PDB file of N, CA and C in Angstrom:
ATOM      1  N   MET A   1      -4.531-120.245 -13.544  1.00  0.00           N
ATOM      2  CA  MET A   1      -3.335-121.011 -13.767  1.00  0.00           C
ATOM      3  C   MET A   1      -2.364-120.877 -12.583  1.00  0.00           C
ATOM      4  N   LEU A   2      -2.224-119.669 -12.070  1.00  0.00           N
ATOM      5  CA  LEU A   2      -1.294-119.485 -10.958  1.00  0.00           C
ATOM      6  C   LEU A   2      -1.797-120.139  -9.677  1.00  0.00           C
ATOM      7  N   GLY A   3      -3.099-120.342  -9.568  1.00  0.00           N
ATOM      8  CA  GLY A   3      -3.648-120.986  -8.383  1.00  0.00           C
ATOM      9  C   GLY A   3      -3.309-122.460  -8.312  1.00  0.00           C
ATOM     10  N   ASN A   4      -2.915-123.061  -9.428  1.00  0.00           N
ATOM     11  CA  ASN A   4      -2.603-124.483  -9.458  1.00  0.00           C
ATOM     12  C   ASN A   4      -1.130-124.777  -9.190  1.00  0.00           C
ATOM     13  N   LEU A   5      -0.318-123.770  -8.987  1.00  0.00           N
ATOM     14  CA  LEU A   5       1.112-123.990  -8.742  1.00  0.00           C
ATOM     15  C   LEU A   5       1.345-124.435  -7.310  1.00  0.00           C
ATOM     16  N   ARG A   6       2.191-125.431  -7.169  1.00  0.00           N
ATOM     17  CA  ARG A   6       2.577-125.900  -5.843  1.00  0.00           C
ATOM     18  C   ARG A   6       3.808-125.129  -5.390  1.00  0.00           C
ATOM     19  N   PRO A   7       4.119-125.158  -4.106  1.00  0.00           N
ATOM     20  CA  PRO A   7       5.276-124.411  -3.593  1.00  0.00           C
ATOM     21  C   PRO A   7       6.597-124.797  -4.266  1.00  0.00           C
ATOM     22  N   THR A   8       6.783-126.063  -4.597  1.00  0.00           N
ATOM     23  CA  THR A   8       8.039-126.465  -5.241  1.00  0.00           C
ATOM     24  C   THR A   8       8.163-125.855  -6.637  1.00  0.00           C
ATOM     25  N   GLU A   9       7.040-125.754  -7.343  1.00  0.00           N
ATOM     26  CA  GLU A   9       7.080-125.136  -8.670  1.00  0.00           C
ATOM     27  C   GLU A   9       7.386-123.646  -8.583  1.00  0.00           C
ATOM     28  N   ILE A  10       6.851-122.985  -7.583  1.00  0.00           N
ATOM     29  CA  ILE A  10       7.134-121.557  -7.395  1.00  0.00           C
ATOM     30  C   ILE A  10       8.608-121.337  -7.090  1.00  0.00           C
ATOM     31  N   VAL A  11       9.177-122.184  -6.226  1.00  0.00           N
ATOM     32  CA  VAL A  11      10.605-122.081  -5.895  1.00  0.00           C
ATOM     33  C   VAL A  11      11.449-122.321  -7.141  1.00  0.00           C
ATOM     34  N   LEU A  12      11.077-123.297  -7.948  1.00  0.00           N
ATOM     35  CA  LEU A  12      11.807-123.590  -9.180  1.00  0.00           C
ATOM     36  C   LEU A  12      11.766-122.387 -10.145  1.00  0.00           C
ATOM     37  N   ILE A  13      10.618-121.748 -10.262  1.00  0.00           N
ATOM     38  CA  ILE A  13      10.501-120.559 -11.120  1.00  0.00           C
ATOM     39  C   ILE A  13      11.389-119.434 -10.599  1.00  0.00           C
ATOM     40  N   LEU A  14      11.404-119.222  -9.284  1.00  0.00           N
ATOM     41  CA  LEU A  14      12.248-118.180  -8.697  1.00  0.00           C
ATOM     42  C   LEU A  14      13.733-118.463  -8.933  1.00  0.00           C
ATOM     43  N   VAL A  15      14.134-119.720  -8.844  1.00  0.00           N
ATOM     44  CA  VAL A  15      15.534-120.087  -9.090  1.00  0.00           C
ATOM     45  C   VAL A  15      15.902-119.814 -10.545  1.00  0.00           C
ATOM     46  N   VAL A  16      15.025-120.146 -11.468  1.00  0.00           N
ATOM     47  CA  VAL A  16      15.287-119.887 -12.888  1.00  0.00           C
ATOM     48  C   VAL A  16      15.411-118.386 -13.144  1.00  0.00           C
ATOM     49  N   ILE A  17      14.547-117.599 -12.543  1.00  0.00           N
ATOM     50  CA  ILE A  17      14.629-116.139 -12.692  1.00  0.00           C
ATOM     51  C   ILE A  17      15.948-115.624 -12.132  1.00  0.00           C
ATOM     52  N   LEU A  18      16.355-116.129 -10.986  1.00  0.00           N
ATOM     53  CA  LEU A  18      17.620-115.722 -10.377  1.00  0.00           C
ATOM     54  C   LEU A  18      18.798-116.081 -11.277  1.00  0.00           C
ATOM     55  N   LEU A  19      18.758-117.252 -11.892  1.00  0.00           N
ATOM     56  CA  LEU A  19      19.839-117.652 -12.788  1.00  0.00           C
ATOM     57  C   LEU A  19      19.852-116.814 -14.072  1.00  0.00           C
ATOM     58  N   LEU A  20      18.688-116.467 -14.582  1.00  0.00           N
ATOM     59  CA  LEU A  20      18.621-115.684 -15.815  1.00  0.00           C
ATOM     60  C   LEU A  20      19.107-114.255 -15.628  1.00  0.00           C
ATOM     61  N   PHE A  21      18.651-113.608 -14.583  1.00  0.00           N
ATOM     62  CA  PHE A  21      18.960-112.190 -14.402  1.00  0.00           C
ATOM     63  C   PHE A  21      20.160-111.939 -13.504  1.00  0.00           C
ATOM     64  N   GLY A  22      20.514-112.851 -12.683  1.00  0.00           N
ATOM     65  CA  GLY A  22      21.654-112.669 -11.792  1.00  0.00           C
ATOM     66  C   GLY A  22      21.265-111.938 -10.523  1.00  0.00           C
ATOM     67  N   ALA A  23      21.996-112.211  -9.466  1.00  0.00           N
ATOM     68  CA  ALA A  23      21.687-111.624  -8.160  1.00  0.00           C
ATOM     69  C   ALA A  23      21.985-110.128  -8.123  1.00  0.00           C
ATOM     70  N   LYS A  24      22.897-109.649  -8.972  1.00  0.00           N
ATOM     71  CA  LYS A  24      23.264-108.234  -8.946  1.00  0.00           C
ATOM     72  C   LYS A  24      22.188-107.353  -9.566  1.00  0.00           C
ATOM     73  N   LYS A  25      21.497-107.847 -10.581  1.00  0.00           N
ATOM     74  CA  LYS A  25      20.518-107.030 -11.284  1.00  0.00           C
ATOM     75  C   LYS A  25      19.152-107.020 -10.617  1.00  0.00           C
ATOM     76  N   LEU A  26      18.822-108.038  -9.839  1.00  0.00           N
ATOM     77  CA  LEU A  26      17.488-108.136  -9.256  1.00  0.00           C
ATOM     78  C   LEU A  26      17.130-106.978  -8.322  1.00  0.00           C
ATOM     79  N   PRO A  27      18.012-106.524  -7.414  1.00  0.00           N
ATOM     80  CA  PRO A  27      17.638-105.382  -6.573  1.00  0.00           C
ATOM     81  C   PRO A  27      17.393-104.104  -7.382  1.00  0.00           C
ATOM     82  N   ASP A  28      18.193-103.879  -8.417  1.00  0.00           N
ATOM     83  CA  ASP A  28      17.982-102.705  -9.263  1.00  0.00           C
ATOM     84  C   ASP A  28      16.658-102.800 -10.011  1.00  0.00           C
ATOM     85  N   MET A  29      16.342-103.984 -10.479  1.00  0.00           N
ATOM     86  CA  MET A  29      15.081-104.170 -11.187  1.00  0.00           C
ATOM     87  C   MET A  29      13.896-103.953 -10.244  1.00  0.00           C
ATOM     88  N   ALA A  30      13.992-104.443  -9.038  1.00  0.00           N
ATOM     89  CA  ALA A  30      12.917-104.263  -8.062  1.00  0.00           C
ATOM     90  C   ALA A  30      12.772-102.794  -7.691  1.00  0.00           C
ATOM     91  N   ARG A  31      13.893-102.088  -7.551  1.00  0.00           N
ATOM     92  CA  ARG A  31      13.860-100.660  -7.219  1.00  0.00           C
ATOM     93  C   ARG A  31      13.192 -99.862  -8.332  1.00  0.00           C
ATOM     94  N   SER A  32      13.548-100.148  -9.577  1.00  0.00           N
ATOM     95  CA  SER A  32      12.946 -99.413 -10.690  1.00  0.00           C
ATOM     96  C   SER A  32      11.471 -99.767 -10.844  1.00  0.00           C
ATOM     97  N   LEU A  33      11.102-100.999 -10.540  1.00  0.00           N
ATOM     98  CA  LEU A  33       9.699-101.383 -10.577  1.00  0.00           C
ATOM     99  C   LEU A  33       8.910-100.626  -9.503  1.00  0.00           C
ATOM    100  N   GLY A  34       9.508-100.461  -8.327  1.00  0.00           N
ATOM    101  CA  GLY A  34       8.860 -99.701  -7.255  1.00  0.00           C
ATOM    102  C   GLY A  34       8.681 -98.240  -7.624  1.00  0.00           C
ATOM    103  N   LYS A  35       9.709 -97.632  -8.258  1.00  0.00           N
ATOM    104  CA  LYS A  35       9.590 -96.242  -8.705  1.00  0.00           C
ATOM    105  C   LYS A  35       8.487 -96.098  -9.741  1.00  0.00           C
ATOM    106  N   SER A  36       8.420 -97.043 -10.655  1.00  0.00           N
ATOM    107  CA  SER A  36       7.383 -96.994 -11.689  1.00  0.00           C
ATOM    108  C   SER A  36       5.995 -97.098 -11.074  1.00  0.00           C
ATOM    109  N   ALA A  37       5.862 -97.951 -10.071  1.00  0.00           N
ATOM    110  CA  ALA A  37       4.566 -98.104  -9.411  1.00  0.00           C
ATOM    111  C   ALA A  37       4.171 -96.818  -8.685  1.00  0.00           C
ATOM    112  N   ARG A  38       5.142 -96.142  -8.033  1.00  0.00           N
ATOM    113  CA  ARG A  38       4.843 -94.877  -7.356  1.00  0.00           C
ATOM    114  C   ARG A  38       4.430 -93.806  -8.352  1.00  0.00           C
ATOM    115  N   ILE A  39       5.110 -93.749  -9.491  1.00  0.00           N
ATOM    116  CA  ILE A  39       4.770 -92.764 -10.519  1.00  0.00           C
ATOM    117  C   ILE A  39       3.367 -93.032 -11.050  1.00  0.00           C
ATOM    118  N   LEU A  40       3.070 -94.292 -11.327  1.00  0.00           N
ATOM    119  CA  LEU A  40       1.754 -94.652 -11.830  1.00  0.00           C
ATOM    120  C   LEU A  40       0.667 -94.279 -10.831  1.00  0.00           C
ATOM    121  N   LYS A  41       0.915 -94.540  -9.561  1.00  0.00           N
ATOM    122  CA  LYS A  41      -0.060 -94.235  -8.525  1.00  0.00           C
ATOM    123  C   LYS A  41      -0.284 -92.731  -8.408  1.00  0.00           C
ATOM    124  N   SER A  42       0.793 -91.940  -8.437  1.00  0.00           N
ATOM    125  CA  SER A  42       0.641 -90.487  -8.321  1.00  0.00           C
ATOM    126  C   SER A  42      -0.044 -89.905  -9.552  1.00  0.00           C
ATOM    127  N   GLU A  43       0.235 -90.446 -10.730  1.00  0.00           N
ATOM    128  CA  GLU A  43      -0.429 -89.962 -11.944  1.00  0.00           C
ATOM    129  C   GLU A  43      -1.915 -90.306 -11.922  1.00  0.00           C
ATOM    130  N   ALA A  44      -2.260 -91.488 -11.422  1.00  0.00           N
ATOM    131  CA  ALA A  44      -3.672 -91.864 -11.330  1.00  0.00           C
ATOM    132  C   ALA A  44      -4.407 -90.930 -10.371  1.00  0.00           C
ATOM    133  N   LYS A  45      -3.783 -90.589  -9.243  1.00  0.00           N
ATOM    134  CA  LYS A  45      -4.393 -89.646  -8.304  1.00  0.00           C
ATOM    135  C   LYS A  45      -4.553 -88.271  -8.936  1.00  0.00           C
ATOM    136  N   ALA A  46      -3.538 -87.823  -9.686  1.00  0.00           N
ATOM    137  CA  ALA A  46      -3.605 -86.511 -10.334  1.00  0.00           C
ATOM    138  C   ALA A  46      -4.705 -86.485 -11.389  1.00  0.00           C
ATOM    139  N   MET A  47      -4.843 -87.567 -12.150  1.00  0.00           N
ATOM    140  CA  MET A  47      -5.903 -87.617 -13.155  1.00  0.00           C
ATOM    141  C   MET A  47      -7.279 -87.598 -12.503  1.00  0.00           C
ATOM    142  N   LYS A  48      -7.413 -88.314 -11.384  1.00  0.00           N
ATOM    143  CA  LYS A  48      -8.694 -88.337 -10.681  1.00  0.00           C
ATOM    144  C   LYS A  48      -9.017 -86.948 -10.134  1.00  0.00           C
ATOM    145  N   LYS A  49      -7.997 -86.256  -9.602  1.00  0.00           N
ATOM    146  CA  LYS A  49      -8.194 -84.911  -9.080  1.00  0.00           C
ATOM    147  C   LYS A  49      -8.557 -83.942 -10.211  1.00  0.00           C
ATOM    148  N   ASP A  50      -7.914 -84.084 -11.368  1.00  0.00           N
ATOM    149  CA  ASP A  50      -8.228 -83.233 -12.518  1.00  0.00           C
ATOM    150  C   ASP A  50      -9.654 -83.463 -12.995  1.00  0.00           C
ATOM    151  N   ASP A  51     -10.098 -84.725 -12.999  1.00  0.00           N
ATOM    152  CA  ASP A  51     -11.467 -85.034 -13.412  1.00  0.00           C
ATOM    153  C   ASP A  51     -12.478 -84.417 -12.457  1.00  0.00           C
ATOM    154  N   GLU A  52     -12.191 -84.486 -11.153  1.00  0.00           N
ATOM    155  CA  GLU A  52     -13.098 -83.898 -10.174  1.00  0.00           C
ATOM    156  C   GLU A  52     -13.137 -82.382 -10.338  1.00  0.00           C
ATOM    157  N   ALA A  53     -12.001 -81.763 -10.609  1.00  0.00           N
ATOM    158  CA  ALA A  53     -11.961 -80.317 -10.805  1.00  0.00           C
ATOM    159  C   ALA A  53     -12.717 -79.929 -12.071  1.00  0.00           C
ATOM    160  N   ALA A  54     -12.616 -80.744 -13.099  1.00  0.00           N
ATOM    161  CA  ALA A  54     -13.328 -80.448 -14.345  1.00  0.00           C
ATOM    162  C   ALA A  54     -14.831 -80.584 -14.143  1.00  0.00           C
ATOM    163  N   LYS A  55     -15.266 -81.550 -13.359  1.00  0.00           N
ATOM    164  CA  LYS A  55     -16.694 -81.716 -13.108  1.00  0.00           C
ATOM    165  C   LYS A  55     -17.251 -80.538 -12.317  1.00  0.00           C
ATOM    166  N   THR A  56     -16.492 -80.045 -11.335  1.00  0.00           N
ATOM    167  CA  THR A  56     -16.973 -78.899 -10.563  1.00  0.00           C
ATOM    168  C   THR A  56     -16.944 -77.630 -11.404  1.00  0.00           C
ATOM    169  N   ALA A  57     -16.011 -77.534 -12.344  1.00  0.00           N
ATOM    170  CA  ALA A  57     -15.952 -76.362 -13.209  1.00  0.00           C
ATOM    171  C   ALA A  57     -17.091 -76.363 -14.212  1.00  0.00           C
ATOM    172  N   GLU A  58     -17.610 -77.538 -14.579  1.00  0.00           N
ATOM    173  CA  GLU A  58     -18.713 -77.628 -15.523  1.00  0.00           C
ATOM    174  C   GLU A  58     -20.058 -77.371 -14.871  1.00  0.00           C
ATOM    175  N   ALA A  59     -20.089 -77.251 -13.555  1.00  0.00           N
ATOM    176  CA  ALA A  59     -21.344 -77.003 -12.854  1.00  0.00           C
ATOM    177  C   ALA A  59     -21.898 -75.650 -13.300  1.00  0.00           C
ATOM    178  N   PRO A  60     -23.239 -75.507 -13.372  1.00  0.00           N
ATOM    179  CA  PRO A  60     -23.830 -74.242 -13.824  1.00  0.00           C
ATOM    180  C   PRO A  60     -23.464 -73.103 -12.888  1.00  0.00           C
ATOM    181  N   THR A  61     -23.158 -71.954 -13.481  1.00  0.00           N
ATOM    182  CA  THR A  61     -22.799 -70.767 -12.709  1.00  0.00           C
ATOM    183  C   THR A  61     -23.977 -69.824 -12.682  1.00  0.00           C
ATOM    184  N   THR A  62     -23.898 -68.820 -11.838  1.00  0.00           N
ATOM    185  CA  THR A  62     -24.977 -67.842 -11.764  1.00  0.00           C
ATOM    186  C   THR A  62     -24.961 -66.975 -13.009  1.00  0.00           C
ATOM    187  N   ALA A  63     -26.103 -66.420 -13.361  1.00  0.00           N
ATOM    188  CA  ALA A  63     -26.230 -65.637 -14.587  1.00  0.00           C
ATOM    189  C   ALA A  63     -25.519 -64.296 -14.474  1.00  0.00           C
ATOM    190  N   SER A  64     -25.349 -63.784 -13.269  1.00  0.00           N
ATOM    191  CA  SER A  64     -24.737 -62.461 -13.117  1.00  0.00           C
ATOM    192  C   SER A  64     -23.217 -62.500 -13.253  1.00  0.00           C
ATOM    193  N   ALA A  65     -22.588 -63.619 -12.987  1.00  0.00           N
ATOM    194  CA  ALA A  65     -21.135 -63.718 -13.060  1.00  0.00           C
ATOM    195  C   ALA A  65     -20.736 -64.429 -14.345  1.00  0.00           C
ATOM    196  N   PRO A  66     -19.945 -63.773 -15.215  1.00  0.00           N
ATOM    197  CA  PRO A  66     -19.508 -64.445 -16.441  1.00  0.00           C
ATOM    198  C   PRO A  66     -18.486 -65.529 -16.122  1.00  0.00           C
ATOM    199  N   ALA A  67     -18.539 -66.604 -16.873  1.00  0.00           N
ATOM    200  CA  ALA A  67     -17.602 -67.713 -16.658  1.00  0.00           C
ATOM    201  C   ALA A  67     -16.249 -67.374 -17.272  1.00  0.00           C
ATOM    202  N   ASP A  68     -15.189 -67.707 -16.572  1.00  0.00           N
ATOM    203  CA  ASP A  68     -13.831 -67.489 -17.078  1.00  0.00           C
ATOM    204  C   ASP A  68     -13.527 -68.618 -18.063  1.00  0.00           C
ATOM    205  N   PRO A  69     -13.287 -68.325 -19.351  1.00  0.00           N
ATOM    206  CA  PRO A  69     -13.136 -69.393 -20.339  1.00  0.00           C
ATOM    207  C   PRO A  69     -11.897 -70.258 -20.147  1.00  0.00           C
ATOM    208  N   ALA A  70     -10.779 -69.684 -19.736  1.00  0.00           N
ATOM    209  CA  ALA A  70      -9.549 -70.470 -19.593  1.00  0.00           C
ATOM    210  C   ALA A  70      -8.751 -69.961 -18.406  1.00  0.00           C
ATOM    211  N   PRO A  71      -8.996 -70.483 -17.206  1.00  0.00           N
ATOM    212  CA  PRO A  71      -8.184 -70.055 -16.059  1.00  0.00           C
ATOM    213  C   PRO A  71      -6.752 -70.564 -16.203  1.00  0.00           C
ATOM    214  N   GLN A  72      -5.810 -69.708 -15.888  1.00  0.00           N
ATOM    215  CA  GLN A  72      -4.395 -70.068 -16.005  1.00  0.00           C
ATOM    216  C   GLN A  72      -3.930 -70.702 -14.696  1.00  0.00           C
ATOM    217  N   ALA A  73      -3.389 -71.895 -14.799  1.00  0.00           N
ATOM    218  CA  ALA A  73      -2.876 -72.604 -13.631  1.00  0.00           C
ATOM    219  C   ALA A  73      -1.366 -72.743 -13.760  1.00  0.00           C
ATOM    220  N   ALA A  74      -0.711 -72.848 -12.629  1.00  0.00           N
ATOM    221  CA  ALA A  74       0.743 -73.044 -12.642  1.00  0.00           C
ATOM    222  C   ALA A  74       1.053 -74.427 -13.191  1.00  0.00           C
ATOM    223  N   PRO A  75       2.144 -74.593 -13.944  1.00  0.00           N
ATOM    224  CA  PRO A  75       2.465 -75.915 -14.488  1.00  0.00           C
ATOM    225  C   PRO A  75       2.799 -76.898 -13.371  1.00  0.00           C
ATOM    226  N   ARG A  76       2.395 -78.131 -13.576  1.00  0.00           N
ATOM    227  CA  ARG A  76       2.669 -79.168 -12.585  1.00  0.00           C
ATOM    228  C   ARG A  76       4.060 -79.733 -12.808  1.00  0.00           C
ATOM    229  N   THR A  77       4.630 -80.321 -11.773  1.00  0.00           N
ATOM    230  CA  THR A  77       5.920 -80.975 -11.871  1.00  0.00           C
ATOM    231  C   THR A  77       5.760 -82.407 -11.409  1.00  0.00           C
ATOM    232  N   ILE A  78       6.258 -83.328 -12.231  1.00  0.00           N
ATOM    233  CA  ILE A  78       6.199 -84.743 -11.889  1.00  0.00           C
ATOM    234  C   ILE A  78       7.562 -85.164 -11.366  1.00  0.00           C
ATOM    235  N   GLN A  79       7.580 -85.840 -10.234  1.00  0.00           N
ATOM    236  CA  GLN A  79       8.828 -86.345  -9.673  1.00  0.00           C
ATOM    237  C   GLN A  79       8.846 -87.857  -9.804  1.00  0.00           C
ATOM    238  N   ALA A  80      10.004 -88.393 -10.146  1.00  0.00           N
ATOM    239  CA  ALA A  80      10.132 -89.830 -10.334  1.00  0.00           C
ATOM    240  C   ALA A  80      10.000 -90.578  -9.018  1.00  0.00           C
ATOM    241  N   ALA A  81      10.536 -90.034  -7.953  1.00  0.00           N
ATOM    242  CA  ALA A  81      10.443 -90.673  -6.651  1.00  0.00           C
ATOM    243  C   ALA A  81      10.412 -89.569  -5.604  1.00  0.00           C
ATOM    244  N   PRO A  82       9.837 -89.844  -4.436  1.00  0.00           N
ATOM    245  CA  PRO A  82       9.820 -88.820  -3.400  1.00  0.00           C
ATOM    246  C   PRO A  82      11.233 -88.384  -3.036  1.00  0.00           C
ATOM    247  N   GLY A  83      11.477 -87.097  -3.129  1.00  0.00           N
ATOM    248  CA  GLY A  83      12.784 -86.552  -2.793  1.00  0.00           C
ATOM    249  C   GLY A  83      13.788 -86.616  -3.918  1.00  0.00           C
ATOM    250  N   ASP A  84      13.427 -87.162  -5.060  1.00  0.00           N
ATOM    251  CA  ASP A  84      14.344 -87.286  -6.189  1.00  0.00           C
ATOM    252  C   ASP A  84      14.193 -86.056  -7.072  1.00  0.00           C
ATOM    253  N   VAL A  85      15.013 -85.047  -6.851  1.00  0.00           N
ATOM    254  CA  VAL A  85      14.894 -83.777  -7.549  1.00  0.00           C
ATOM    255  C   VAL A  85      15.551 -83.832  -8.922  1.00  0.00           C
ATOM    256  N   THR A  86      16.505 -84.712  -9.111  1.00  0.00           N
ATOM    257  CA  THR A  86      17.253 -84.733 -10.360  1.00  0.00           C
ATOM    258  C   THR A  86      16.405 -85.173 -11.544  1.00  0.00           C
ATOM    259  N   SER A  87      15.371 -85.966 -11.311  1.00  0.00           N
ATOM    260  CA  SER A  87      14.589 -86.460 -12.430  1.00  0.00           C
ATOM    261  C   SER A  87      13.241 -85.768 -12.562  1.00  0.00           C
ATOM    262  N   SER A  88      13.002 -84.688 -11.802  1.00  0.00           N
ATOM    263  CA  SER A  88      11.727 -83.991 -11.943  1.00  0.00           C
ATOM    264  C   SER A  88      11.760 -83.131 -13.189  1.00  0.00           C
ATOM    265  N   ARG A  89      10.581 -82.994 -13.797  1.00  0.00           N
ATOM    266  CA  ARG A  89      10.494 -82.205 -15.019  1.00  0.00           C
ATOM    267  C   ARG A  89       9.146 -81.512 -15.069  1.00  0.00           C
ATOM    268  N   PRO A  90       9.083 -80.319 -15.661  1.00  0.00           N
ATOM    269  CA  PRO A  90       7.780 -79.655 -15.783  1.00  0.00           C
ATOM    270  C   PRO A  90       6.932 -80.352 -16.847  1.00  0.00           C
ATOM    271  N   VAL A  91       5.642 -80.288 -16.675  1.00  0.00           N
ATOM    272  CA  VAL A  91       4.728 -80.956 -17.587  1.00  0.00           C
ATOM    273  C   VAL A  91       3.877 -79.898 -18.280  1.00  0.00           C
ATOM    274  N   THR A  92       3.824 -79.952 -19.590  1.00  0.00           N
ATOM    275  CA  THR A  92       2.937 -79.066 -20.316  1.00  0.00           C
ATOM    276  C   THR A  92       1.667 -79.829 -20.622  1.00  0.00           C
ATOM    277  N   GLU A  93       0.546 -79.265 -20.226  1.00  0.00           N
ATOM    278  CA  GLU A  93      -0.722 -79.928 -20.430  1.00  0.00           C
ATOM    279  C   GLU A  93      -1.402 -79.330 -21.646  1.00  0.00           C
ATOM    280  N   PRO A  94      -2.073 -80.165 -22.421  1.00  0.00           N
ATOM    281  CA  PRO A  94      -2.742 -79.643 -23.616  1.00  0.00           C
ATOM    282  C   PRO A  94      -3.908 -78.737 -23.229  1.00  0.00           C
ATOM    283  N   ASN A  95      -4.165 -77.731 -24.063  1.00  0.00           N
ATOM    284  CA  ASN A  95      -5.304 -76.843 -23.843  1.00  0.00           C
ATOM    285  C   ASN A  95      -6.572 -77.582 -24.221  1.00  0.00           C
ATOM    286  N   ARG A  96      -7.533 -77.550 -23.338  1.00  0.00           N
ATOM    287  CA  ARG A  96      -8.794 -78.245 -23.606  1.00  0.00           C
ATOM    288  C   ARG A  96      -9.789 -77.219 -24.131  1.00  0.00           C
ATOM    289  N   THR A  97      -9.985 -77.218 -25.423  1.00  0.00           N
ATOM    290  CA  THR A  97     -10.939 -76.311 -26.034  1.00  0.00           C
ATOM    291  C   THR A  97     -12.024 -77.134 -26.707  1.00  0.00           C
ATOM    292  N   ALA A  98     -13.188 -76.565 -26.820  1.00  0.00           N
ATOM    293  CA  ALA A  98     -14.304 -77.263 -27.456  1.00  0.00           C
ATOM    294  C   ALA A  98     -14.089 -77.246 -28.964  1.00  0.00           C
ATOM    295  N   GLN A  99     -14.132 -78.427 -29.561  1.00  0.00           N
ATOM    296  CA  GLN A  99     -13.961 -78.523 -31.000  1.00  0.00           C
ATOM    297  C   GLN A  99     -15.296 -78.844 -31.636  1.00  0.00           C
ATOM    298  N   SER A 100     -15.622 -78.158 -32.706  1.00  0.00           N
ATOM    299  CA  SER A 100     -16.909 -78.382 -33.382  1.00  0.00           C
ATOM    300  C   SER A 100     -16.741 -79.282 -34.570  1.00  0.00           C
TER     301      SER A 100
END
Protein backbone atom coordinates (compact mmCIF):
# COMPACT_ATOMS: atom_id res chain seq x y z
CA MET A 1 0.00 0.00 0.00
CA LEU A 2 2.77 2.45 0.84
CA GLY A 3 4.47 1.72 -2.47
CA ASN A 4 1.49 3.19 -4.33
CA LEU A 5 1.69 6.63 -2.67
CA ARG A 6 2.76 9.52 -4.83
CA PRO A 7 4.94 12.36 -3.49
CA THR A 8 1.98 14.75 -3.22
CA GLU A 9 0.07 12.26 -1.07
CA ILE A 10 3.06 11.82 1.22
CA VAL A 11 3.39 15.60 1.63
CA LEU A 12 -0.34 15.85 2.38
CA ILE A 13 -0.03 13.15 5.08
CA LEU A 14 2.94 14.96 6.64
CA VAL A 15 1.00 18.24 6.70
CA VAL A 16 -1.96 16.56 8.42
CA ILE A 17 0.37 15.03 11.02
CA LEU A 18 1.97 18.44 11.61
CA LEU A 19 -1.45 20.03 12.08
CA LEU A 20 -2.64 17.29 14.45
CA PHE A 21 0.37 17.17 16.74
CA GLY A 22 1.77 20.67 16.36
CA ALA A 23 5.31 21.77 15.61
CA LYS A 24 6.24 21.96 19.31
CA LYS A 25 5.47 18.32 20.12
CA LEU A 26 7.06 16.69 17.07
CA PRO A 27 10.74 17.08 18.14
CA ASP A 28 9.94 15.66 21.58
CA MET A 29 8.08 12.76 20.03
CA ALA A 30 10.97 12.03 17.67
CA ARG A 31 13.46 12.21 20.55
CA SER A 32 11.47 9.77 22.67
CA LEU A 33 11.06 7.46 19.68
CA GLY A 34 14.84 7.50 19.20
CA LYS A 35 15.42 6.67 22.89
CA SER A 36 12.96 3.80 22.66
CA ALA A 37 14.71 2.45 19.59
CA ARG A 38 18.11 2.59 21.36
CA ILE A 39 16.70 0.78 24.39
CA LEU A 40 15.12 -1.88 22.19
CA LYS A 41 18.37 -2.37 20.30
CA SER A 42 20.47 -2.69 23.47
CA GLU A 43 17.98 -5.13 25.02
CA ALA A 44 18.02 -7.27 21.87
CA LYS A 45 21.83 -7.38 21.99
CA ALA A 46 21.75 -8.28 25.70
CA MET A 47 19.24 -11.07 25.08
CA LYS A 48 21.37 -12.43 22.24
CA LYS A 49 24.46 -12.32 24.47
CA ASP A 50 22.58 -14.08 27.29
CA ASP A 51 21.43 -16.81 24.88
CA GLU A 52 24.99 -17.35 23.66
CA ALA A 53 26.24 -17.55 27.26
CA ALA A 54 23.51 -20.04 28.13
CA LYS A 55 24.42 -22.23 25.15
CA THR A 56 28.10 -22.29 26.14
CA ALA A 57 27.14 -23.05 29.75
CA GLU A 58 25.04 -26.03 28.59
CA ALA A 59 28.03 -27.54 26.79
CA PRO A 60 29.19 -30.85 28.35
CA THR A 61 31.82 -30.46 31.05
CA THR A 62 34.58 -32.83 32.02
CA ALA A 63 33.70 -35.59 34.47
CA SER A 64 36.38 -34.57 36.98
CA ALA A 65 35.10 -31.02 37.49
CA PRO A 66 31.65 -30.64 39.09
CA ALA A 67 29.35 -28.14 37.41
CA ASP A 68 28.46 -25.01 39.37
CA PRO A 69 24.63 -25.09 39.59
CA ALA A 70 24.02 -21.34 39.93
CA PRO A 71 26.89 -18.92 39.29
CA GLN A 72 26.26 -15.54 40.87
CA ALA A 73 26.54 -12.62 38.47
CA ALA A 74 26.47 -8.92 39.22
CA PRO A 75 23.09 -7.30 38.49
CA ARG A 76 22.82 -5.53 35.17
CA THR A 77 21.84 -1.89 34.81
CA ILE A 78 19.72 -0.63 31.95
CA GLN A 79 20.19 2.96 30.83
CA ALA A 80 17.51 4.81 28.91
CA ALA A 81 20.00 6.69 26.76
CA PRO A 82 23.79 6.85 26.54
CA GLY A 83 25.00 9.09 29.33
CA ASP A 84 21.55 9.41 30.90
CA VAL A 85 22.26 8.44 34.51
CA THR A 86 19.02 9.75 35.98
CA SER A 87 16.85 7.08 34.39
CA SER A 88 19.11 4.05 34.92
CA ARG A 89 17.79 1.33 37.16
CA PRO A 90 19.04 -2.06 38.36
CA VAL A 91 17.39 -5.09 36.82
CA THR A 92 16.51 -8.21 38.75
CA GLU A 93 16.59 -11.26 36.56
CA PRO A 94 14.50 -14.32 37.33
CA ASN A 95 16.30 -17.44 38.56
CA ARG A 96 16.34 -20.07 35.86
CA THR A 97 15.80 -23.40 37.54
CA ALA A 98 14.71 -26.66 35.98
CA GLN A 99 11.06 -27.34 36.68
CA SER A 100 9.71 -30.88 36.59
